[in-house]
Amino acid sequence: MPTLTLKGLPADVHRRLKARAARHGRSLNVEAIACLRAALEQIEALRAEGVRAIVVDMHCEATSEKNAMGWFLDGKVSAVLGT
């Protein structure tokens, strides 16, 4: 099974993800996977409705985060923008 390592995760994102995991009774890892799946399902739903362009605006601290998101969204969205 592939592994994804997130480096430089902003403290507020970690805190919010951890709180969300606790609310759902899941580990941090399982919650992160659930969030990624939910994002993909939303993208697929938009495509099914006929949306032709999906632009993702994001902020990353590290180049590795940008690269990981680029690979994750490759072929799924029209453009990934941000700083």
PDB file of N, CA and C in Angstrom:
ATOM      1  N   MET A   1       0.847  -1.171   0.000  1.00  0.00           N
ATOM      2  CA  MET A   1       0.000   0.000   0.000  1.00  0.00           C
ATOM      3  C   MET A   1       0.900   1.243   0.000  1.00  0.00           C
ATOM      4  N   PRO A   2       0.618   2.215  -0.873  1.00  0.00           N
ATOM      5  CA  PRO A   2       1.438   3.432  -0.934  1.00  0.00           C
ATOM      6  C   PRO A   2       1.379   4.233   0.369  1.00  0.00           C
ATOM      7  N   THR A   3       2.403   5.026   0.581  1.00  0.00           N
ATOM      8  CA  THR A   3       2.490   5.880   1.762  1.00  0.00           C
ATOM      9  C   THR A   3       2.680   7.317   1.326  1.00  0.00           C
ATOM     10  N   LEU A   4       2.027   8.234   2.028  1.00  0.00           N
ATOM     11  CA  LEU A   4       2.178   9.662   1.788  1.00  0.00           C
ATOM     12  C   LEU A   4       2.671  10.296   3.081  1.00  0.00           C
ATOM     13  N   THR A   5       3.785  11.009   3.015  1.00  0.00           N
ATOM     14  CA  THR A   5       4.324  11.705   4.177  1.00  0.00           C
ATOM     15  C   THR A   5       4.133  13.197   3.960  1.00  0.00           C
ATOM     16  N   LEU A   6       3.505  13.858   4.920  1.00  0.00           N
ATOM     17  CA  LEU A   6       3.305  15.303   4.841  1.00  0.00           C
ATOM     18  C   LEU A   6       4.324  15.986   5.741  1.00  0.00           C
ATOM     19  N   LYS A   7       5.118  16.844   5.145  1.00  0.00           N
ATOM     20  CA  LYS A   7       6.107  17.599   5.906  1.00  0.00           C
ATOM     21  C   LYS A   7       5.669  19.041   5.974  1.00  0.00           C
ATOM     22  N   GLY A   8       5.964  19.695   7.061  1.00  0.00           N
ATOM     23  CA  GLY A   8       5.651  21.108   7.204  1.00  0.00           C
ATOM     24  C   GLY A   8       4.161  21.385   7.302  1.00  0.00           C
ATOM     25  N   LEU A   9       3.407  20.427   7.820  1.00  0.00           N
ATOM     26  CA  LEU A   9       1.967  20.614   7.980  1.00  0.00           C
ATOM     27  C   LEU A   9       1.727  21.778   8.941  1.00  0.00           C
ATOM     28  N   PRO A  10       0.978  22.796   8.501  1.00  0.00           N
ATOM     29  CA  PRO A  10       0.729  23.931   9.390  1.00  0.00           C
ATOM     30  C   PRO A  10       0.055  23.475  10.687  1.00  0.00           C
ATOM     31  N   ALA A  11       0.437  24.093  11.783  1.00  0.00           N
ATOM     32  CA  ALA A  11      -0.071  23.700  13.101  1.00  0.00           C
ATOM     33  C   ALA A  11      -1.593  23.773  13.176  1.00  0.00           C
ATOM     34  N   ASP A  12      -2.189  24.782  12.550  1.00  0.00           N
ATOM     35  CA  ASP A  12      -3.654  24.897  12.623  1.00  0.00           C
ATOM     36  C   ASP A  12      -4.340  23.768  11.849  1.00  0.00           C
ATOM     37  N   VAL A  13      -3.755  23.330  10.739  1.00  0.00           N
ATOM     38  CA  VAL A  13      -4.335  22.222   9.973  1.00  0.00           C
ATOM     39  C   VAL A  13      -4.214  20.926  10.778  1.00  0.00           C
ATOM     40  N   HIS A  14      -3.065  20.724  11.402  1.00  0.00           N
ATOM     41  CA  HIS A  14      -2.869  19.541  12.247  1.00  0.00           C
ATOM     42  C   HIS A  14      -3.863  19.537  13.397  1.00  0.00           C
ATOM     43  N   ARG A  15      -4.029  20.674  14.049  1.00  0.00           N
ATOM     44  CA  ARG A  15      -4.964  20.775  15.171  1.00  0.00           C
ATOM     45  C   ARG A  15      -6.390  20.463  14.725  1.00  0.00           C
ATOM     46  N   ARG A  16      -6.796  21.049  13.589  1.00  0.00           N
ATOM     47  CA  ARG A  16      -8.165  20.844  13.098  1.00  0.00           C
ATOM     48  C   ARG A  16      -8.380  19.393  12.663  1.00  0.00           C
ATOM     49  N   LEU A  17      -7.393  18.809  12.013  1.00  0.00           N
ATOM     50  CA  LEU A  17      -7.507  17.417  11.582  1.00  0.00           C
ATOM     51  C   LEU A  17      -7.569  16.480  12.782  1.00  0.00           C
ATOM     52  N   LYS A  18      -6.760  16.770  13.790  1.00  0.00           N
ATOM     53  CA  LYS A  18      -6.748  15.963  15.010  1.00  0.00           C
ATOM     54  C   LYS A  18      -8.099  16.047  15.732  1.00  0.00           C
ATOM     55  N   ALA A  19      -8.661  17.255  15.811  1.00  0.00           N
ATOM     56  CA  ALA A  19      -9.973  17.430  16.452  1.00  0.00           C
ATOM     57  C   ALA A  19     -11.060  16.705  15.658  1.00  0.00           C
ATOM     58  N   ARG A  20     -10.979  16.795  14.337  1.00  0.00           N
ATOM     59  CA  ARG A  20     -11.952  16.114  13.481  1.00  0.00           C
ATOM     60  C   ARG A  20     -11.860  14.595  13.664  1.00  0.00           C
ATOM     61  N   ALA A  21     -10.639  14.090  13.741  1.00  0.00           N
ATOM     62  CA  ALA A  21     -10.437  12.649  13.963  1.00  0.00           C
ATOM     63  C   ALA A  21     -11.047  12.216  15.293  1.00  0.00           C
ATOM     64  N   ALA A  22     -10.846  13.013  16.326  1.00  0.00           N
ATOM     65  CA  ALA A  22     -11.403  12.689  17.644  1.00  0.00           C
ATOM     66  C   ALA A  22     -12.933  12.667  17.597  1.00  0.00           C
ATOM     67  N   ARG A  23     -13.518  13.645  16.901  1.00  0.00           N
ATOM     68  CA  ARG A  23     -14.989  13.685  16.782  1.00  0.00           C
ATOM     69  C   ARG A  23     -15.541  12.446  16.085  1.00  0.00           C
ATOM     70  N   HIS A  24     -14.780  11.942  15.125  1.00  0.00           N
ATOM     71  CA  HIS A  24     -15.234  10.782  14.365  1.00  0.00           C
ATOM     72  C   HIS A  24     -14.731   9.453  14.933  1.00  0.00           C
ATOM     73  N   GLY A  25     -13.952   9.514  16.007  1.00  0.00           N
ATOM     74  CA  GLY A  25     -13.431   8.295  16.621  1.00  0.00           C
ATOM     75  C   GLY A  25     -12.441   7.553  15.734  1.00  0.00           C
ATOM     76  N   ARG A  26     -11.644   8.324  14.988  1.00  0.00           N
ATOM     77  CA  ARG A  26     -10.678   7.737  14.061  1.00  0.00           C
ATOM     78  C   ARG A  26      -9.272   8.194  14.403  1.00  0.00           C
ATOM     79  N   SER A  27      -8.307   7.466  13.877  1.00  0.00           N
ATOM     80  CA  SER A  27      -6.916   7.906  14.018  1.00  0.00           C
ATOM     81  C   SER A  27      -6.689   9.090  13.085  1.00  0.00           C
ATOM     82  N   LEU A  28      -5.612   9.807  13.304  1.00  0.00           N
ATOM     83  CA  LEU A  28      -5.258  10.937  12.454  1.00  0.00           C
ATOM     84  C   LEU A  28      -5.042  10.473  11.010  1.00  0.00           C
ATOM     85  N   ASN A  29      -4.393   9.340  10.837  1.00  0.00           N
ATOM     86  CA  ASN A  29      -4.136   8.798   9.512  1.00  0.00           C
ATOM     87  C   ASN A  29      -5.445   8.456   8.790  1.00  0.00           C
ATOM     88  N   VAL A  30      -6.346   7.767   9.461  1.00  0.00           N
ATOM     89  CA  VAL A  30      -7.625   7.376   8.850  1.00  0.00           C
ATOM     90  C   VAL A  30      -8.449   8.619   8.515  1.00  0.00           C
ATOM     91  N   GLU A  31      -8.391   9.629   9.364  1.00  0.00           N
ATOM     92  CA  GLU A  31      -9.132  10.872   9.101  1.00  0.00           C
ATOM     93  C   GLU A  31      -8.566  11.585   7.880  1.00  0.00           C
ATOM     94  N   ALA A  32      -7.245  11.630   7.747  1.00  0.00           N
ATOM     95  CA  ALA A  32      -6.636  12.269   6.584  1.00  0.00           C
ATOM     96  C   ALA A  32      -7.048  11.554   5.298  1.00  0.00           C
ATOM     97  N   ILE A  33      -7.072  10.226   5.327  1.00  0.00           N
ATOM     98  CA  ILE A  33      -7.503   9.458   4.161  1.00  0.00           C
ATOM     99  C   ILE A  33      -8.968   9.748   3.852  1.00  0.00           C
ATOM    100  N   ALA A  34      -9.796   9.846   4.880  1.00  0.00           N
ATOM    101  CA  ALA A  34     -11.214  10.155   4.677  1.00  0.00           C
ATOM    102  C   ALA A  34     -11.389  11.528   4.038  1.00  0.00           C
ATOM    103  N   CYS A  35     -10.599  12.493   4.448  1.00  0.00           N
ATOM    104  CA  CYS A  35     -10.671  13.840   3.867  1.00  0.00           C
ATOM    105  C   CYS A  35     -10.255  13.824   2.399  1.00  0.00           C
ATOM    106  N   LEU A  36      -9.195  13.095   2.088  1.00  0.00           N
ATOM    107  CA  LEU A  36      -8.746  12.991   0.699  1.00  0.00           C
ATOM    108  C   LEU A  36      -9.808  12.309  -0.163  1.00  0.00           C
ATOM    109  N   ARG A  37     -10.406  11.249   0.359  1.00  0.00           N
ATOM    110  CA  ARG A  37     -11.469  10.564  -0.382  1.00  0.00           C
ATOM    111  C   ARG A  37     -12.661  11.485  -0.616  1.00  0.00           C
ATOM    112  N   ALA A  38     -13.035  12.237   0.408  1.00  0.00           N
ATOM    113  CA  ALA A  38     -14.173  13.161   0.277  1.00  0.00           C
ATOM    114  C   ALA A  38     -13.885  14.206  -0.799  1.00  0.00           C
ATOM    115  N   ALA A  39     -12.655  14.703  -0.833  1.00  0.00           N
ATOM    116  CA  ALA A  39     -12.292  15.689  -1.847  1.00  0.00           C
ATOM    117  C   ALA A  39     -12.400  15.081  -3.248  1.00  0.00           C
ATOM    118  N   LEU A  40     -11.924  13.856  -3.415  1.00  0.00           N
ATOM    119  CA  LEU A  40     -12.013  13.190  -4.715  1.00  0.00           C
ATOM    120  C   LEU A  40     -13.463  12.943  -5.119  1.00  0.00           C
ATOM    121  N   GLU A  41     -14.296  12.570  -4.154  1.00  0.00           N
ATOM    122  CA  GLU A  41     -15.712  12.346  -4.454  1.00  0.00           C
ATOM    123  C   GLU A  41     -16.388  13.637  -4.904  1.00  0.00           C
ATOM    124  N   GLN A  42     -16.020  14.761  -4.289  1.00  0.00           N
ATOM    125  CA  GLN A  42     -16.586  16.047  -4.707  1.00  0.00           C
ATOM    126  C   GLN A  42     -16.151  16.393  -6.123  1.00  0.00           C
ATOM    127  N   ILE A  43     -14.895  16.143  -6.435  1.00  0.00           N
ATOM    128  CA  ILE A  43     -14.399  16.403  -7.790  1.00  0.00           C
ATOM    129  C   ILE A  43     -15.146  15.529  -8.794  1.00  0.00           C
ATOM    130  N   GLU A  44     -15.298  14.253  -8.487  1.00  0.00           N
ATOM    131  CA  GLU A  44     -15.999  13.335  -9.386  1.00  0.00           C
ATOM    132  C   GLU A  44     -17.461  13.739  -9.562  1.00  0.00           C
ATOM    133  N   ALA A  45     -18.110  14.212  -8.490  1.00  0.00           N
ATOM    134  CA  ALA A  45     -19.506  14.659  -8.574  1.00  0.00           C
ATOM    135  C   ALA A  45     -19.627  15.881  -9.477  1.00  0.00           C
ATOM    136  N   LEU A  46     -18.694  16.810  -9.357  1.00  0.00           N
ATOM    137  CA  LEU A  46     -18.713  17.987 -10.223  1.00  0.00           C
ATOM    138  C   LEU A  46     -18.543  17.589 -11.684  1.00  0.00           C
ATOM    139  N   ARG A  47     -17.625  16.677 -11.944  1.00  0.00           N
ATOM    140  CA  ARG A  47     -17.420  16.197 -13.314  1.00  0.00           C
ATOM    141  C   ARG A  47     -18.690  15.530 -13.851  1.00  0.00           C
ATOM    142  N   ALA A  48     -19.364  14.743 -13.010  1.00  0.00           N
ATOM    143  CA  ALA A  48     -20.586  14.058 -13.428  1.00  0.00           C
ATOM    144  C   ALA A  48     -21.698  15.052 -13.764  1.00  0.00           C
ATOM    145  N   GLU A  49     -21.669  16.221 -13.121  1.00  0.00           N
ATOM    146  CA  GLU A  49     -22.668  17.262 -13.393  1.00  0.00           C
ATOM    147  C   GLU A  49     -22.332  18.054 -14.649  1.00  0.00           C
ATOM    148  N   GLY A  50     -21.185  17.788 -15.240  1.00  0.00           N
ATOM    149  CA  GLY A  50     -20.814  18.470 -16.466  1.00  0.00           C
ATOM    150  C   GLY A  50     -19.899  19.661 -16.286  1.00  0.00           C
ATOM    151  N   VAL A  51     -19.406  19.865 -15.075  1.00  0.00           N
ATOM    152  CA  VAL A  51     -18.453  20.962 -14.846  1.00  0.00           C
ATOM    153  C   VAL A  51     -17.215  20.682 -15.674  1.00  0.00           C
ATOM    154  N   ARG A  52     -16.788  21.661 -16.444  1.00  0.00           N
ATOM    155  CA  ARG A  52     -15.678  21.444 -17.370  1.00  0.00           C
ATOM    156  C   ARG A  52     -14.328  21.874 -16.812  1.00  0.00           C
ATOM    157  N   ALA A  53     -14.319  22.767 -15.844  1.00  0.00           N
ATOM    158  CA  ALA A  53     -13.044  23.246 -15.299  1.00  0.00           C
ATOM    159  C   ALA A  53     -13.123  23.309 -13.777  1.00  0.00           C
ATOM    160  N   ILE A  54     -12.137  22.749 -13.131  1.00  0.00           N
ATOM    161  CA  ILE A  54     -12.033  22.798 -11.667  1.00  0.00           C
ATOM    162  C   ILE A  54     -10.662  23.383 -11.345  1.00  0.00           C
ATOM    163  N   VAL A  55     -10.656  24.494 -10.608  1.00  0.00           N
ATOM    164  CA  VAL A  55      -9.416  25.159 -10.220  1.00  0.00           C
ATOM    165  C   VAL A  55      -9.266  25.020  -8.706  1.00  0.00           C
ATOM    166  N   VAL A  56      -8.124  24.537  -8.272  1.00  0.00           N
ATOM    167  CA  VAL A  56      -7.826  24.382  -6.855  1.00  0.00           C
ATOM    168  C   VAL A  56      -6.838  25.475  -6.466  1.00  0.00           C
ATOM    169  N   ASP A  57      -7.195  26.275  -5.464  1.00  0.00           N
ATOM    170  CA  ASP A  57      -6.310  27.313  -4.936  1.00  0.00           C
ATOM    171  C   ASP A  57      -5.844  26.844  -3.570  1.00  0.00           C
ATOM    172  N   MET A  58      -4.541  26.732  -3.393  1.00  0.00           N
ATOM    173  CA  MET A  58      -4.021  26.194  -2.136  1.00  0.00           C
ATOM    174  C   MET A  58      -2.762  26.932  -1.699  1.00  0.00           C
ATOM    175  N   HIS A  59      -2.454  26.794  -0.440  1.00  0.00           N
ATOM    176  CA  HIS A  59      -1.226  27.371   0.107  1.00  0.00           C
ATOM    177  C   HIS A  59      -0.408  26.234   0.697  1.00  0.00           C
ATOM    178  N   CYS A  60       0.865  26.212   0.399  1.00  0.00           N
ATOM    179  CA  CYS A  60       1.779  25.203   0.945  1.00  0.00           C
ATOM    180  C   CYS A  60       3.028  25.891   1.464  1.00  0.00           C
ATOM    181  N   GLU A  61       3.579  25.322   2.495  1.00  0.00           N
ATOM    182  CA  GLU A  61       4.823  25.841   3.056  1.00  0.00           C
ATOM    183  C   GLU A  61       6.034  25.264   2.330  1.00  0.00           C
ATOM    184  N   ALA A  62       5.960  24.004   1.941  1.00  0.00           N
ATOM    185  CA  ALA A  62       7.125  23.327   1.381  1.00  0.00           C
ATOM    186  C   ALA A  62       6.866  22.885  -0.055  1.00  0.00           C
ATOM    187  N   THR A  63       7.923  22.838  -0.824  1.00  0.00           N
ATOM    188  CA  THR A  63       7.819  22.367  -2.202  1.00  0.00           C
ATOM    189  C   THR A  63       7.283  20.944  -2.250  1.00  0.00           C
ATOM    190  N   SER A  64       7.650  20.121  -1.288  1.00  0.00           N
ATOM    191  CA  SER A  64       7.178  18.729  -1.271  1.00  0.00           C
ATOM    192  C   SER A  64       5.659  18.659  -1.147  1.00  0.00           C
ATOM    193  N   GLU A  65       5.064  19.597  -0.415  1.00  0.00           N
ATOM    194  CA  GLU A  65       3.604  19.628  -0.301  1.00  0.00           C
ATOM    195  C   GLU A  65       2.976  19.952  -1.654  1.00  0.00           C
ATOM    196  N   LYS A  66       3.566  20.917  -2.340  1.00  0.00           N
ATOM    197  CA  LYS A  66       3.063  21.288  -3.669  1.00  0.00           C
ATOM    198  C   LYS A  66       3.169  20.105  -4.622  1.00  0.00           C
ATOM    199  N   ASN A  67       4.308  19.426  -4.599  1.00  0.00           N
ATOM    200  CA  ASN A  67       4.503  18.267  -5.463  1.00  0.00           C
ATOM    201  C   ASN A  67       3.505  17.160  -5.143  1.00  0.00           C
ATOM    202  N   ALA A  68       3.302  16.877  -3.859  1.00  0.00           N
ATOM    203  CA  ALA A  68       2.366  15.824  -3.458  1.00  0.00           C
ATOM    204  C   ALA A  68       0.950  16.146  -3.933  1.00  0.00           C
ATOM    205  N   MET A  69       0.520  17.387  -3.757  1.00  0.00           N
ATOM    206  CA  MET A  69      -0.829  17.765  -4.188  1.00  0.00           C
ATOM    207  C   MET A  69      -0.935  17.721  -5.703  1.00  0.00           C
ATOM    208  N   GLY A  70       0.128  18.106  -6.390  1.00  0.00           N
ATOM    209  CA  GLY A  70       0.123  18.025  -7.850  1.00  0.00           C
ATOM    210  C   GLY A  70      -0.057  16.598  -8.330  1.00  0.00           C
ATOM    211  N   TRP A  71       0.669  15.671  -7.731  1.00  0.00           N
ATOM    212  CA  TRP A  71       0.531  14.264  -8.097  1.00  0.00           C
ATOM    213  C   TRP A  71      -0.856  13.752  -7.734  1.00  0.00           C
ATOM    214  N   PHE A  72      -1.351  14.136  -6.575  1.00  0.00           N
ATOM    215  CA  PHE A  72      -2.670  13.670  -6.112  1.00  0.00           C
ATOM    216  C   PHE A  72      -3.780  14.144  -7.049  1.00  0.00           C
ATOM    217  N   LEU A  73      -3.690  15.392  -7.523  1.00  0.00           N
ATOM    218  CA  LEU A  73      -4.751  15.973  -8.340  1.00  0.00           C
ATOM    219  C   LEU A  73      -4.526  15.822  -9.846  1.00  0.00           C
ATOM    220  N   ASP A  74      -3.403  15.260 -10.242  1.00  0.00           N
ATOM    221  CA  ASP A  74      -3.089  15.108 -11.661  1.00  0.00           C
ATOM    222  C   ASP A  74      -4.195  14.355 -12.396  1.00  0.00           C
ATOM    223  N   GLY A  75      -4.708  14.980 -13.441  1.00  0.00           N
ATOM    224  CA  GLY A  75      -5.767  14.374 -14.232  1.00  0.00           C
ATOM    225  C   GLY A  75      -7.150  14.511 -13.646  1.00  0.00           C
ATOM    226  N   LYS A  76      -7.255  15.092 -12.444  1.00  0.00           N
ATOM    227  CA  LYS A  76      -8.551  15.215 -11.777  1.00  0.00           C
ATOM    228  C   LYS A  76      -9.105  16.635 -11.829  1.00  0.00           C
ATOM    229  N   VAL A  77      -8.213  17.623 -11.889  1.00  0.00           N
ATOM    230  CA  VAL A  77      -8.637  19.021 -11.931  1.00  0.00           C
ATOM    231  C   VAL A  77      -7.943  19.730 -13.101  1.00  0.00           C
ATOM    232  N   SER A  78      -8.439  20.926 -13.428  1.00  0.00           N
ATOM    233  CA  SER A  78      -7.888  21.663 -14.559  1.00  0.00           C
ATOM    234  C   SER A  78      -6.609  22.413 -14.197  1.00  0.00           C
ATOM    235  N   ALA A  79      -6.561  22.972 -12.990  1.00  0.00           N
ATOM    236  CA  ALA A  79      -5.384  23.746 -12.583  1.00  0.00           C
ATOM    237  C   ALA A  79      -5.270  23.740 -11.068  1.00  0.00           C
ATOM    238  N   VAL A  80      -4.030  23.777 -10.592  1.00  0.00           N
ATOM    239  CA  VAL A  80      -3.743  23.927  -9.164  1.00  0.00           C
ATOM    240  C   VAL A  80      -2.913  25.192  -9.035  1.00  0.00           C
ATOM    241  N   LEU A  81      -3.427  26.157  -8.299  1.00  0.00           N
ATOM    242  CA  LEU A  81      -2.765  27.457  -8.125  1.00  0.00           C
ATOM    243  C   LEU A  81      -2.497  27.690  -6.652  1.00  0.00           C
ATOM    244  N   GLY A  82      -1.604  28.593  -6.369  1.00  0.00           N
ATOM    245  CA  GLY A  82      -1.378  28.950  -4.977  1.00  0.00           C
ATOM    246  C   GLY A  82       0.046  29.363  -4.729  1.00  0.00           C
ATOM    247  N   THR A  83       0.354  29.493  -3.440  1.00  0.00           N
ATOM    248  CA  THR A  83       1.670  29.935  -3.035  1.00  0.00           C
ATOM    249  C   THR A  83       2.294  28.913  -2.113  1.00  0.00           C
TER     250      THR A  83
END
